[in-house]
């Protein structure tokens, strides 16, 4: 599928950590992302920042 755009995220973050926005009640949650398509990463990052 040469035209497919793939983004990988959230696989290292637990649901509770995402909901609270904090790790160990003190550090901000970090979501790791990987993609070969920059526009897709930017779209996901914008959605995370607005949630």
Protein backbone atom coordinates (compact mmCIF):
# COMPACT_ATOMS: atom_id res chain seq x y z
CA UNK A 1 0.00 0.00 0.00
CA UNK A 2 2.40 2.68 -1.16
CA UNK A 3 -0.02 5.59 -0.64
CA UNK A 4 -0.94 4.65 2.94
CA UNK A 5 -0.16 7.13 5.72
CA UNK A 6 0.62 5.54 9.10
CA UNK A 7 0.81 7.10 12.56
CA UNK A 8 1.63 5.14 15.69
CA UNK A 9 0.88 6.57 19.13
CA UNK A 10 -0.46 5.76 22.60
CA UNK A 11 1.00 2.25 22.85
CA UNK A 12 3.25 3.19 25.79
CA UNK A 13 0.69 5.23 27.74
CA UNK A 14 -2.00 3.86 30.08
CA UNK A 15 -5.58 5.17 29.91
CA UNK A 16 -5.47 6.55 33.45
CA UNK A 17 -2.32 8.49 32.68
CA UNK A 18 -3.93 9.97 29.58
CA UNK A 19 -7.07 10.92 31.50
CA UNK A 20 -5.22 12.59 34.37
CA UNK A 21 -2.56 14.22 32.22
CA UNK A 22 0.07 13.33 34.81
CA UNK A 23 2.48 10.51 35.59
CA UNK A 24 2.98 9.76 39.30
CA UNK A 25 0.85 12.84 40.09
CA UNK A 26 3.72 15.17 39.25
CA UNK A 27 5.08 14.83 35.71
CA UNK A 28 3.08 15.74 32.60
CA UNK A 29 1.99 12.84 30.39
CA UNK A 30 4.08 12.31 27.27
CA UNK A 31 2.61 10.61 24.21
CA UNK A 32 5.19 9.13 21.84
CA UNK A 33 4.33 9.33 18.13
CA UNK A 34 5.95 7.92 15.03
CA UNK A 35 5.05 8.43 11.39
CA UNK A 36 6.52 8.77 7.95
CA UNK A 37 3.97 11.50 7.23
CA UNK A 38 4.59 14.85 8.92
CA UNK A 39 1.08 16.24 8.34
CA UNK A 40 -0.44 13.25 10.14
CA UNK A 41 1.82 13.79 13.17
CA UNK A 42 0.88 17.48 13.25
CA UNK A 43 -2.83 16.65 13.11
CA UNK A 44 -2.51 14.19 15.99
CA UNK A 45 -0.41 16.62 18.04
CA UNK A 46 -3.01 19.36 17.55
CA UNK A 47 -5.80 17.01 18.65
CA UNK A 48 -3.87 16.10 21.80
CA UNK A 49 -3.14 19.73 22.66
CA UNK A 50 -6.83 20.64 22.29
CA UNK A 51 -8.14 17.80 24.44
